[in-house]
Amino acid sequence: MLNQLSLCAQIKSLDDLRYTPAGLPVLTMWLLHESWQIELEQRYLAKVEIQAKALGDLAKNWMYQPGAMVEIKGFLAQKGVYHSRPILHIQQIREYKG
């Protein structure tokens, strides 16, 4: 099944780098997106704030700061066993140059 997301967003906040019990680096953040979309032939201002995380080398070598505009590719999954809200798992990231 298809579960791929491509999003241009601003990094709102970054948590400190942490490690799982297995030693895997994890970086959690909040992203803000705002764009005009067309829905039913009408302009619609789409706004979303979503939690995201980077794992492994992507988290360890992170170089983007809050306020940066980035283009992200990844997939959505529930945050955890007891939390069904979605979180974006980042697989690729680059600076957005608009």
PDB file of N, CA and C in Angstrom:
ATOM      1  N   MET A   1       0.824  -1.183   0.000  1.00  0.00           N
ATOM      2  CA  MET A   1       0.000   0.000   0.000  1.00  0.00           C
ATOM      3  C   MET A   1       0.867   1.245   0.000  1.00  0.00           C
ATOM      4  N   LEU A   2       0.342   2.278  -0.584  1.00  0.00           N
ATOM      5  CA  LEU A   2       1.080   3.524  -0.709  1.00  0.00           C
ATOM      6  C   LEU A   2       0.963   4.359   0.565  1.00  0.00           C
ATOM      7  N   ASN A   3       2.081   4.791   1.092  1.00  0.00           N
ATOM      8  CA  ASN A   3       2.136   5.691   2.246  1.00  0.00           C
ATOM      9  C   ASN A   3       3.389   6.537   2.075  1.00  0.00           C
ATOM     10  N   GLN A   4       3.296   7.563   1.251  1.00  0.00           N
ATOM     11  CA  GLN A   4       4.415   8.461   0.988  1.00  0.00           C
ATOM     12  C   GLN A   4       3.908   9.880   1.083  1.00  0.00           C
ATOM     13  N   LEU A   5       4.687  10.729   1.721  1.00  0.00           N
ATOM     14  CA  LEU A   5       4.311  12.121   1.886  1.00  0.00           C
ATOM     15  C   LEU A   5       5.474  13.005   1.484  1.00  0.00           C
ATOM     16  N   SER A   6       5.182  14.031   0.709  1.00  0.00           N
ATOM     17  CA  SER A   6       6.161  15.042   0.329  1.00  0.00           C
ATOM     18  C   SER A   6       5.598  16.365   0.809  1.00  0.00           C
ATOM     19  N   LEU A   7       6.375  17.112   1.598  1.00  0.00           N
ATOM     20  CA  LEU A   7       5.862  18.306   2.245  1.00  0.00           C
ATOM     21  C   LEU A   7       6.948  19.368   2.348  1.00  0.00           C
ATOM     22  N   CYS A   8       6.596  20.585   1.985  1.00  0.00           N
ATOM     23  CA  CYS A   8       7.465  21.731   2.255  1.00  0.00           C
ATOM     24  C   CYS A   8       6.926  22.374   3.518  1.00  0.00           C
ATOM     25  N   ALA A   9       7.809  22.602   4.474  1.00  0.00           N
ATOM     26  CA  ALA A   9       7.363  23.113   5.760  1.00  0.00           C
ATOM     27  C   ALA A   9       8.472  23.888   6.441  1.00  0.00           C
ATOM     28  N   GLN A  10       8.076  24.650   7.450  1.00  0.00           N
ATOM     29  CA  GLN A  10       9.028  25.363   8.296  1.00  0.00           C
ATOM     30  C   GLN A  10       9.210  24.566   9.579  1.00  0.00           C
ATOM     31  N   ILE A  11      10.445  24.452  10.020  1.00  0.00           N
ATOM     32  CA  ILE A  11      10.705  23.771  11.282  1.00  0.00           C
ATOM     33  C   ILE A  11      10.312  24.725  12.402  1.00  0.00           C
ATOM     34  N   LYS A  12       9.306  24.345  13.177  1.00  0.00           N
ATOM     35  CA  LYS A  12       8.836  25.180  14.278  1.00  0.00           C
ATOM     36  C   LYS A  12       9.716  25.003  15.502  1.00  0.00           C
ATOM     37  N   SER A  13      10.005  23.754  15.845  1.00  0.00           N
ATOM     38  CA  SER A  13      10.826  23.485  17.031  1.00  0.00           C
ATOM     39  C   SER A  13      11.511  22.139  16.891  1.00  0.00           C
ATOM     40  N   LEU A  14      12.628  22.001  17.582  1.00  0.00           N
ATOM     41  CA  LEU A  14      13.407  20.754  17.608  1.00  0.00           C
ATOM     42  C   LEU A  14      13.611  20.338  19.055  1.00  0.00           C
ATOM     43  N   ASP A  15      13.420  19.073  19.330  1.00  0.00           N
ATOM     44  CA  ASP A  15      13.782  18.536  20.636  1.00  0.00           C
ATOM     45  C   ASP A  15      15.273  18.221  20.629  1.00  0.00           C
ATOM     46  N   ASP A  16      15.818  17.943  21.786  1.00  0.00           N
ATOM     47  CA  ASP A  16      17.211  17.513  21.866  1.00  0.00           C
ATOM     48  C   ASP A  16      17.347  16.111  21.288  1.00  0.00           C
ATOM     49  N   LEU A  17      18.490  15.837  20.708  1.00  0.00           N
ATOM     50  CA  LEU A  17      18.777  14.500  20.201  1.00  0.00           C
ATOM     51  C   LEU A  17      18.748  13.529  21.370  1.00  0.00           C
ATOM     52  N   ARG A  18      18.059  12.421  21.177  1.00  0.00           N
ATOM     53  CA  ARG A  18      18.008  11.392  22.217  1.00  0.00           C
ATOM     54  C   ARG A  18      18.323  10.045  21.577  1.00  0.00           C
ATOM     55  N   TYR A  19      18.457   9.051  22.409  1.00  0.00           N
ATOM     56  CA  TYR A  19      18.770   7.704  21.927  1.00  0.00           C
ATOM     57  C   TYR A  19      17.768   6.714  22.490  1.00  0.00           C
ATOM     58  N   THR A  20      17.356   5.768  21.653  1.00  0.00           N
ATOM     59  CA  THR A  20      16.471   4.702  22.112  1.00  0.00           C
ATOM     60  C   THR A  20      17.266   3.770  23.029  1.00  0.00           C
ATOM     61  N   PRO A  21      16.589   2.898  23.766  1.00  0.00           N
ATOM     62  CA  PRO A  21      17.306   1.925  24.594  1.00  0.00           C
ATOM     63  C   PRO A  21      18.285   1.066  23.783  1.00  0.00           C
ATOM     64  N   ALA A  22      18.010   0.910  22.484  1.00  0.00           N
ATOM     65  CA  ALA A  22      18.899   0.129  21.620  1.00  0.00           C
ATOM     66  C   ALA A  22      20.052   0.978  21.070  1.00  0.00           C
ATOM     67  N   GLY A  23      20.092   2.267  21.423  1.00  0.00           N
ATOM     68  CA  GLY A  23      21.191   3.129  20.985  1.00  0.00           C
ATOM     69  C   GLY A  23      20.962   3.853  19.675  1.00  0.00           C
ATOM     70  N   LEU A  24      19.739   3.853  19.154  1.00  0.00           N
ATOM     71  CA  LEU A  24      19.420   4.495  17.881  1.00  0.00           C
ATOM     72  C   LEU A  24      19.132   5.979  18.111  1.00  0.00           C
ATOM     73  N   PRO A  25      19.833   6.891  17.407  1.00  0.00           N
ATOM     74  CA  PRO A  25      19.566   8.326  17.560  1.00  0.00           C
ATOM     75  C   PRO A  25      18.175   8.690  17.019  1.00  0.00           C
ATOM     76  N   VAL A  26      17.474   9.562  17.766  1.00  0.00           N
ATOM     77  CA  VAL A  26      16.130  10.019  17.388  1.00  0.00           C
ATOM     78  C   VAL A  26      16.058  11.528  17.598  1.00  0.00           C
ATOM     79  N   LEU A  27      15.549  12.240  16.602  1.00  0.00           N
ATOM     80  CA  LEU A  27      15.340  13.676  16.712  1.00  0.00           C
ATOM     81  C   LEU A  27      13.880  13.960  16.379  1.00  0.00           C
ATOM     82  N   THR A  28      13.158  14.511  17.341  1.00  0.00           N
ATOM     83  CA  THR A  28      11.736  14.819  17.166  1.00  0.00           C
ATOM     84  C   THR A  28      11.564  16.320  16.990  1.00  0.00           C
ATOM     85  N   MET A  29      10.594  16.710  16.166  1.00  0.00           N
ATOM     86  CA  MET A  29      10.377  18.123  15.866  1.00  0.00           C
ATOM     87  C   MET A  29       8.921  18.374  15.522  1.00  0.00           C
ATOM     88  N   TRP A  30       8.560  19.654  15.442  1.00  0.00           N
ATOM     89  CA  TRP A  30       7.255  20.085  14.944  1.00  0.00           C
ATOM     90  C   TRP A  30       7.476  20.883  13.672  1.00  0.00           C
ATOM     91  N   LEU A  31       6.641  20.616  12.665  1.00  0.00           N
ATOM     92  CA  LEU A  31       6.702  21.281  11.367  1.00  0.00           C
ATOM     93  C   LEU A  31       5.424  22.074  11.123  1.00  0.00           C
ATOM     94  N   LEU A  32       5.553  23.227  10.462  1.00  0.00           N
ATOM     95  CA  LEU A  32       4.413  24.056  10.076  1.00  0.00           C
ATOM     96  C   LEU A  32       4.353  24.156   8.556  1.00  0.00           C
ATOM     97  N   HIS A  33       3.172  23.953   8.013  1.00  0.00           N
ATOM     98  CA  HIS A  33       2.970  24.086   6.566  1.00  0.00           C
ATOM     99  C   HIS A  33       1.765  24.988   6.338  1.00  0.00           C
ATOM    100  N   GLU A  34       1.874  25.848   5.308  1.00  0.00           N
ATOM    101  CA  GLU A  34       0.766  26.712   4.910  1.00  0.00           C
ATOM    102  C   GLU A  34       0.853  26.921   3.413  1.00  0.00           C
ATOM    103  N   SER A  35      -0.236  26.648   2.705  1.00  0.00           N
ATOM    104  CA  SER A  35      -0.259  26.851   1.256  1.00  0.00           C
ATOM    105  C   SER A  35      -1.693  27.016   0.775  1.00  0.00           C
ATOM    106  N   TRP A  36      -1.828  27.658  -0.386  1.00  0.00           N
ATOM    107  CA  TRP A  36      -3.132  27.774  -1.028  1.00  0.00           C
ATOM    108  C   TRP A  36      -3.334  26.566  -1.926  1.00  0.00           C
ATOM    109  N   GLN A  37      -4.481  25.919  -1.793  1.00  0.00           N
ATOM    110  CA  GLN A  37      -4.839  24.759  -2.592  1.00  0.00           C
ATOM    111  C   GLN A  37      -6.178  25.038  -3.274  1.00  0.00           C
ATOM    112  N   ILE A  38      -6.492  24.254  -4.272  1.00  0.00           N
ATOM    113  CA  ILE A  38      -7.783  24.359  -4.943  1.00  0.00           C
ATOM    114  C   ILE A  38      -8.629  23.161  -4.524  1.00  0.00           C
ATOM    115  N   GLU A  39      -9.802  23.456  -4.003  1.00  0.00           N
ATOM    116  CA  GLU A  39     -10.750  22.407  -3.596  1.00  0.00           C
ATOM    117  C   GLU A  39     -12.133  22.821  -4.079  1.00  0.00           C
ATOM    118  N   LEU A  40     -12.774  21.967  -4.861  1.00  0.00           N
ATOM    119  CA  LEU A  40     -14.084  22.279  -5.445  1.00  0.00           C
ATOM    120  C   LEU A  40     -14.062  23.622  -6.180  1.00  0.00           C
ATOM    121  N   GLU A  41     -12.985  23.830  -6.938  1.00  0.00           N
ATOM    122  CA  GLU A  41     -12.776  25.019  -7.754  1.00  0.00           C
ATOM    123  C   GLU A  41     -12.694  26.308  -6.937  1.00  0.00           C
ATOM    124  N   GLN A  42     -12.405  26.191  -5.658  1.00  0.00           N
ATOM    125  CA  GLN A  42     -12.247  27.343  -4.781  1.00  0.00           C
ATOM    126  C   GLN A  42     -10.870  27.313  -4.147  1.00  0.00           C
ATOM    127  N   ARG A  43     -10.297  28.499  -3.906  1.00  0.00           N
ATOM    128  CA  ARG A  43      -9.010  28.577  -3.202  1.00  0.00           C
ATOM    129  C   ARG A  43      -9.240  28.260  -1.729  1.00  0.00           C
ATOM    130  N   TYR A  44      -8.350  27.469  -1.176  1.00  0.00           N
ATOM    131  CA  TYR A  44      -8.463  27.035   0.216  1.00  0.00           C
ATOM    132  C   TYR A  44      -7.085  27.168   0.865  1.00  0.00           C
ATOM    133  N   LEU A  45      -7.020  27.863   1.990  1.00  0.00           N
ATOM    134  CA  LEU A  45      -5.768  28.014   2.716  1.00  0.00           C
ATOM    135  C   LEU A  45      -5.568  26.785   3.594  1.00  0.00           C
ATOM    136  N   ALA A  46      -4.633  25.937   3.198  1.00  0.00           N
ATOM    137  CA  ALA A  46      -4.356  24.707   3.936  1.00  0.00           C
ATOM    138  C   ALA A  46      -3.233  24.963   4.936  1.00  0.00           C
ATOM    139  N   LYS A  47      -3.525  24.759   6.203  1.00  0.00           N
ATOM    140  CA  LYS A  47      -2.536  24.921   7.266  1.00  0.00           C
ATOM    141  C   LYS A  47      -2.486  23.629   8.063  1.00  0.00           C
ATOM    142  N   VAL A  48      -1.271  23.239   8.416  1.00  0.00           N
ATOM    143  CA  VAL A  48      -1.130  22.047   9.248  1.00  0.00           C
ATOM    144  C   VAL A  48       0.135  22.169  10.088  1.00  0.00           C
ATOM    145  N   GLU A  49       0.047  21.669  11.293  1.00  0.00           N
ATOM    146  CA  GLU A  49       1.200  21.526  12.174  1.00  0.00           C
ATOM    147  C   GLU A  49       1.290  20.037  12.488  1.00  0.00           C
ATOM    148  N   ILE A  50       2.448  19.456  12.214  1.00  0.00           N
ATOM    149  CA  ILE A  50       2.582  18.008  12.385  1.00  0.00           C
ATOM    150  C   ILE A  50       3.903  17.683  13.073  1.00  0.00           C
ATOM    151  N   GLN A  51       3.845  16.672  13.905  1.00  0.00           N
ATOM    152  CA  GLN A  51       5.063  16.198  14.555  1.00  0.00           C
ATOM    153  C   GLN A  51       5.799  15.277  13.590  1.00  0.00           C
ATOM    154  N   ALA A  52       7.117  15.357  13.612  1.00  0.00           N
ATOM    155  CA  ALA A  52       7.943  14.530  12.736  1.00  0.00           C
ATOM    156  C   ALA A  52       9.155  14.036  13.508  1.00  0.00           C
ATOM    157  N   LYS A  53       9.780  12.980  12.971  1.00  0.00           N
ATOM    158  CA  LYS A  53      11.007  12.507  13.594  1.00  0.00           C
ATOM    159  C   LYS A  53      11.953  11.959  12.548  1.00  0.00           C
ATOM    160  N   ALA A  54      13.234  12.111  12.865  1.00  0.00           N
ATOM    161  CA  ALA A  54      14.316  11.567  12.045  1.00  0.00           C
ATOM    162  C   ALA A  54      15.044  10.542  12.899  1.00  0.00           C
ATOM    163  N   LEU A  55      15.501   9.478  12.269  1.00  0.00           N
ATOM    164  CA  LEU A  55      16.190   8.399  12.977  1.00  0.00           C
ATOM    165  C   LEU A  55      17.569   8.153  12.390  1.00  0.00           C
ATOM    166  N   GLY A  56      18.419   7.521  13.168  1.00  0.00           N
ATOM    167  CA  GLY A  56      19.725   7.068  12.694  1.00  0.00           C
ATOM    168  C   GLY A  56      20.646   8.206  12.296  1.00  0.00           C
ATOM    169  N   ASP A  57      21.377   7.991  11.192  1.00  0.00           N
ATOM    170  CA  ASP A  57      22.343   8.984  10.717  1.00  0.00           C
ATOM    171  C   ASP A  57      21.672  10.313  10.369  1.00  0.00           C
ATOM    172  N   LEU A  58      20.444  10.265   9.866  1.00  0.00           N
ATOM    173  CA  LEU A  58      19.728  11.492   9.542  1.00  0.00           C
ATOM    174  C   LEU A  58      19.551  12.357  10.791  1.00  0.00           C
ATOM    175  N   ALA A  59      19.234  11.739  11.905  1.00  0.00           N
ATOM    176  CA  ALA A  59      19.088  12.468  13.174  1.00  0.00           C
ATOM    177  C   ALA A  59      20.442  12.924  13.707  1.00  0.00           C
ATOM    178  N   LYS A  60      21.420  12.055  13.651  1.00  0.00           N
ATOM    179  CA  LYS A  60      22.739  12.355  14.206  1.00  0.00           C
ATOM    180  C   LYS A  60      23.448  13.477  13.453  1.00  0.00           C
ATOM    181  N   ASN A  61      23.244  13.552  12.132  1.00  0.00           N
ATOM    182  CA  ASN A  61      23.911  14.554  11.299  1.00  0.00           C
ATOM    183  C   ASN A  61      22.999  15.732  10.947  1.00  0.00           C
ATOM    184  N   TRP A  62      21.962  15.960  11.740  1.00  0.00           N
ATOM    185  CA  TRP A  62      20.969  17.002  11.470  1.00  0.00           C
ATOM    186  C   TRP A  62      21.627  18.372  11.387  1.00  0.00           C
ATOM    187  N   MET A  63      21.273  19.174  10.371  1.00  0.00           N
ATOM    188  CA  MET A  63      21.890  20.484  10.219  1.00  0.00           C
ATOM    189  C   MET A  63      20.884  21.616  10.068  1.00  0.00           C
ATOM    190  N   TYR A  64      19.595  21.356  10.257  1.00  0.00           N
ATOM    191  CA  TYR A  64      18.565  22.373  10.069  1.00  0.00           C
ATOM    192  C   TYR A  64      18.099  22.894  11.424  1.00  0.00           C
ATOM    193  N   GLN A  65      17.857  24.196  11.491  1.00  0.00           N
ATOM    194  CA  GLN A  65      17.463  24.849  12.741  1.00  0.00           C
ATOM    195  C   GLN A  65      16.016  25.319  12.663  1.00  0.00           C
ATOM    196  N   PRO A  66      15.404  25.594  13.815  1.00  0.00           N
ATOM    197  CA  PRO A  66      14.051  26.160  13.794  1.00  0.00           C
ATOM    198  C   PRO A  66      14.009  27.418  12.926  1.00  0.00           C
ATOM    199  N   GLY A  67      12.934  27.537  12.154  1.00  0.00           N
ATOM    200  CA  GLY A  67      12.778  28.645  11.220  1.00  0.00           C
ATOM    201  C   GLY A  67      13.164  28.282   9.802  1.00  0.00           C
ATOM    202  N   ALA A  68      13.942  27.227   9.627  1.00  0.00           N
ATOM    203  CA  ALA A  68      14.372  26.807   8.288  1.00  0.00           C
ATOM    204  C   ALA A  68      13.192  26.233   7.507  1.00  0.00           C
ATOM    205  N   MET A  69      13.157  26.542   6.200  1.00  0.00           N
ATOM    206  CA  MET A  69      12.164  25.950   5.301  1.00  0.00           C
ATOM    207  C   MET A  69      12.807  24.729   4.659  1.00  0.00           C
ATOM    208  N   VAL A  70      12.109  23.598   4.741  1.00  0.00           N
ATOM    209  CA  VAL A  70      12.658  22.342   4.245  1.00  0.00           C
ATOM    210  C   VAL A  70      11.632  21.600   3.398  1.00  0.00           C
ATOM    211  N   GLU A  71      12.150  20.755   2.526  1.00  0.00           N
ATOM    212  CA  GLU A  71      11.322  19.834   1.753  1.00  0.00           C
ATOM    213  C   GLU A  71      11.599  18.439   2.289  1.00  0.00           C
ATOM    214  N   ILE A  72      10.542  17.789   2.718  1.00  0.00           N
ATOM    215  CA  ILE A  72      10.673  16.495   3.395  1.00  0.00           C
ATOM    216  C   ILE A  72       9.927  15.429   2.622  1.00  0.00           C
ATOM    217  N   LYS A  73      10.502  14.245   2.582  1.00  0.00           N
ATOM    218  CA  LYS A  73       9.826  13.060   2.057  1.00  0.00           C
ATOM    219  C   LYS A  73       9.870  12.002   3.148  1.00  0.00           C
ATOM    220  N   GLY A  74       8.761  11.312   3.319  1.00  0.00           N
ATOM    221  CA  GLY A  74       8.695  10.296   4.346  1.00  0.00           C
ATOM    222  C   GLY A  74       7.355   9.583   4.326  1.00  0.00           C
ATOM    223  N   PHE A  75       6.988   9.019   5.469  1.00  0.00           N
ATOM    224  CA  PHE A  75       5.720   8.297   5.572  1.00  0.00           C
ATOM    225  C   PHE A  75       5.079   8.595   6.922  1.00  0.00           C
ATOM    226  N   LEU A  76       3.781   8.349   7.007  1.00  0.00           N
ATOM    227  CA  LEU A  76       3.030   8.567   8.240  1.00  0.00           C
ATOM    228  C   LEU A  76       2.805   7.254   8.969  1.00  0.00           C
ATOM    229  N   ALA A  77       2.885   7.306  10.288  1.00  0.00           N
ATOM    230  CA  ALA A  77       2.563   6.166  11.142  1.00  0.00           C
ATOM    231  C   ALA A  77       2.019   6.708  12.450  1.00  0.00           C
ATOM    232  N   GLN A  78       1.344   5.870  13.209  1.00  0.00           N
ATOM    233  CA  GLN A  78       0.866   6.353  14.497  1.00  0.00           C
ATOM    234  C   GLN A  78       2.048   6.550  15.427  1.00  0.00           C
ATOM    235  N   LYS A  79       1.899   7.499  16.344  1.00  0.00           N
ATOM    236  CA  LYS A  79       3.010   7.888  17.202  1.00  0.00           C
ATOM    237  C   LYS A  79       3.508   6.736  18.057  1.00  0.00           C
ATOM    238  N   GLY A  80       2.615   5.929  18.550  1.00  0.00           N
ATOM    239  CA  GLY A  80       3.031   4.810  19.395  1.00  0.00           C
ATOM    240  C   GLY A  80       1.878   3.862  19.639  1.00  0.00           C
ATOM    241  N   VAL A  81       2.141   2.856  20.417  1.00  0.00           N
ATOM    242  CA  VAL A  81       1.129   1.838  20.705  1.00  0.00           C
ATOM    243  C   VAL A  81      -0.104   2.462  21.346  1.00  0.00           C
ATOM    244  N   TYR A  82       0.099   3.427  22.226  1.00  0.00           N
ATOM    245  CA  TYR A  82      -1.013   4.030  22.954  1.00  0.00           C
ATOM    246  C   TYR A  82      -1.421   5.404  22.411  1.00  0.00           C
ATOM    247  N   HIS A  83      -0.773   5.854  21.342  1.00  0.00           N
ATOM    248  CA  HIS A  83      -1.062   7.166  20.755  1.00  0.00           C
ATOM    249  C   HIS A  83      -1.317   6.992  19.263  1.00  0.00           C
ATOM    250  N   SER A  84      -2.573   7.150  18.851  1.00  0.00           N
ATOM    251  CA  SER A  84      -2.920   6.888  17.450  1.00  0.00           C
ATOM    252  C   SER A  84      -2.711   8.083  16.531  1.00  0.00           C
ATOM    253  N   ARG A  85      -2.383   9.269  17.069  1.00  0.00           N
ATOM    254  CA  ARG A  85      -2.199  10.416  16.180  1.00  0.00           C
ATOM    255  C   ARG A  85      -0.975  10.185  15.284  1.00  0.00           C
ATOM    256  N   PRO A  86      -1.000  10.744  14.071  1.00  0.00           N
ATOM    257  CA  PRO A  86       0.091  10.481  13.127  1.00  0.00           C
ATOM    258  C   PRO A  86       1.360  11.273  13.440  1.00  0.00           C
ATOM    259  N   ILE A  87       2.467  10.699  13.058  1.00  0.00           N
ATOM    260  CA  ILE A  87       3.763  11.361  13.106  1.00  0.00           C
ATOM    261  C   ILE A  87       4.447  11.066  11.769  1.00  0.00           C
ATOM    262  N   LEU A  88       5.123  12.078  11.246  1.00  0.00           N
ATOM    263  CA  LEU A  88       5.815  11.944   9.960  1.00  0.00           C
ATOM    264  C   LEU A  88       7.218  11.401  10.206  1.00  0.00           C
ATOM    265  N   HIS A  89       7.516  10.255   9.634  1.00  0.00           N
ATOM    266  CA  HIS A  89       8.854   9.664   9.711  1.00  0.00           C
ATOM    267  C   HIS A  89       9.642  10.182   8.513  1.00  0.00           C
ATOM    268  N   ILE A  90      10.662  10.990   8.785  1.00  0.00           N
ATOM    269  CA  ILE A  90      11.440  11.623   7.729  1.00  0.00           C
ATOM    270  C   ILE A  90      12.451  10.636   7.147  1.00  0.00           C
ATOM    271  N   GLN A  91      12.427  10.481   5.832  1.00  0.00           N
ATOM    272  CA  GLN A  91      13.380   9.628   5.139  1.00  0.00           C
ATOM    273  C   GLN A  91      14.377  10.440   4.319  1.00  0.00           C
ATOM    274  N   GLN A  92      13.941  11.597   3.819  1.00  0.00           N
ATOM    275  CA  GLN A  92      14.813  12.497   3.068  1.00  0.00           C
ATOM    276  C   GLN A  92      14.460  13.927   3.436  1.00  0.00           C
ATOM    277  N   ILE A  93      15.472  14.789   3.455  1.00  0.00           N
ATOM    278  CA  ILE A  93      15.237  16.193   3.736  1.00  0.00           C
ATOM    279  C   ILE A  93      16.264  17.027   2.985  1.00  0.00           C
ATOM    280  N   ARG A  94      15.819  18.204   2.536  1.00  0.00           N
ATOM    281  CA  ARG A  94      16.721  19.176   1.924  1.00  0.00           C
ATOM    282  C   ARG A  94      16.143  20.555   2.148  1.00  0.00           C
ATOM    283  N   GLU A  95      16.994  21.550   2.048  1.00  0.00           N
ATOM    284  CA  GLU A  95      16.545  22.924   2.196  1.00  0.00           C
ATOM    285  C   GLU A  95      15.590  23.266   1.065  1.00  0.00           C
ATOM    286  N   TYR A  96      14.499  23.944   1.396  1.00  0.00           N
ATOM    287  CA  TYR A  96      13.531  24.388   0.391  1.00  0.00           C
ATOM    288  C   TYR A  96      13.937  25.769  -0.098  1.00  0.00           C
ATOM    289  N   LYS A  97      14.106  25.894  -1.395  1.00  0.00           N
ATOM    290  CA  LYS A  97      14.564  27.165  -1.964  1.00  0.00           C
ATOM    291  C   LYS A  97      13.465  27.883  -2.723  1.00  0.00           C
ATOM    292  N   GLY A  98      12.230  27.377  -2.608  1.00  0.00           N
ATOM    293  CA  GLY A  98      11.054  28.001  -3.182  1.00  0.00           C
ATOM    294  C   GLY A  98      11.186  28.419  -4.564  1.00  0.00           C
TER     295      GLY A  98
END
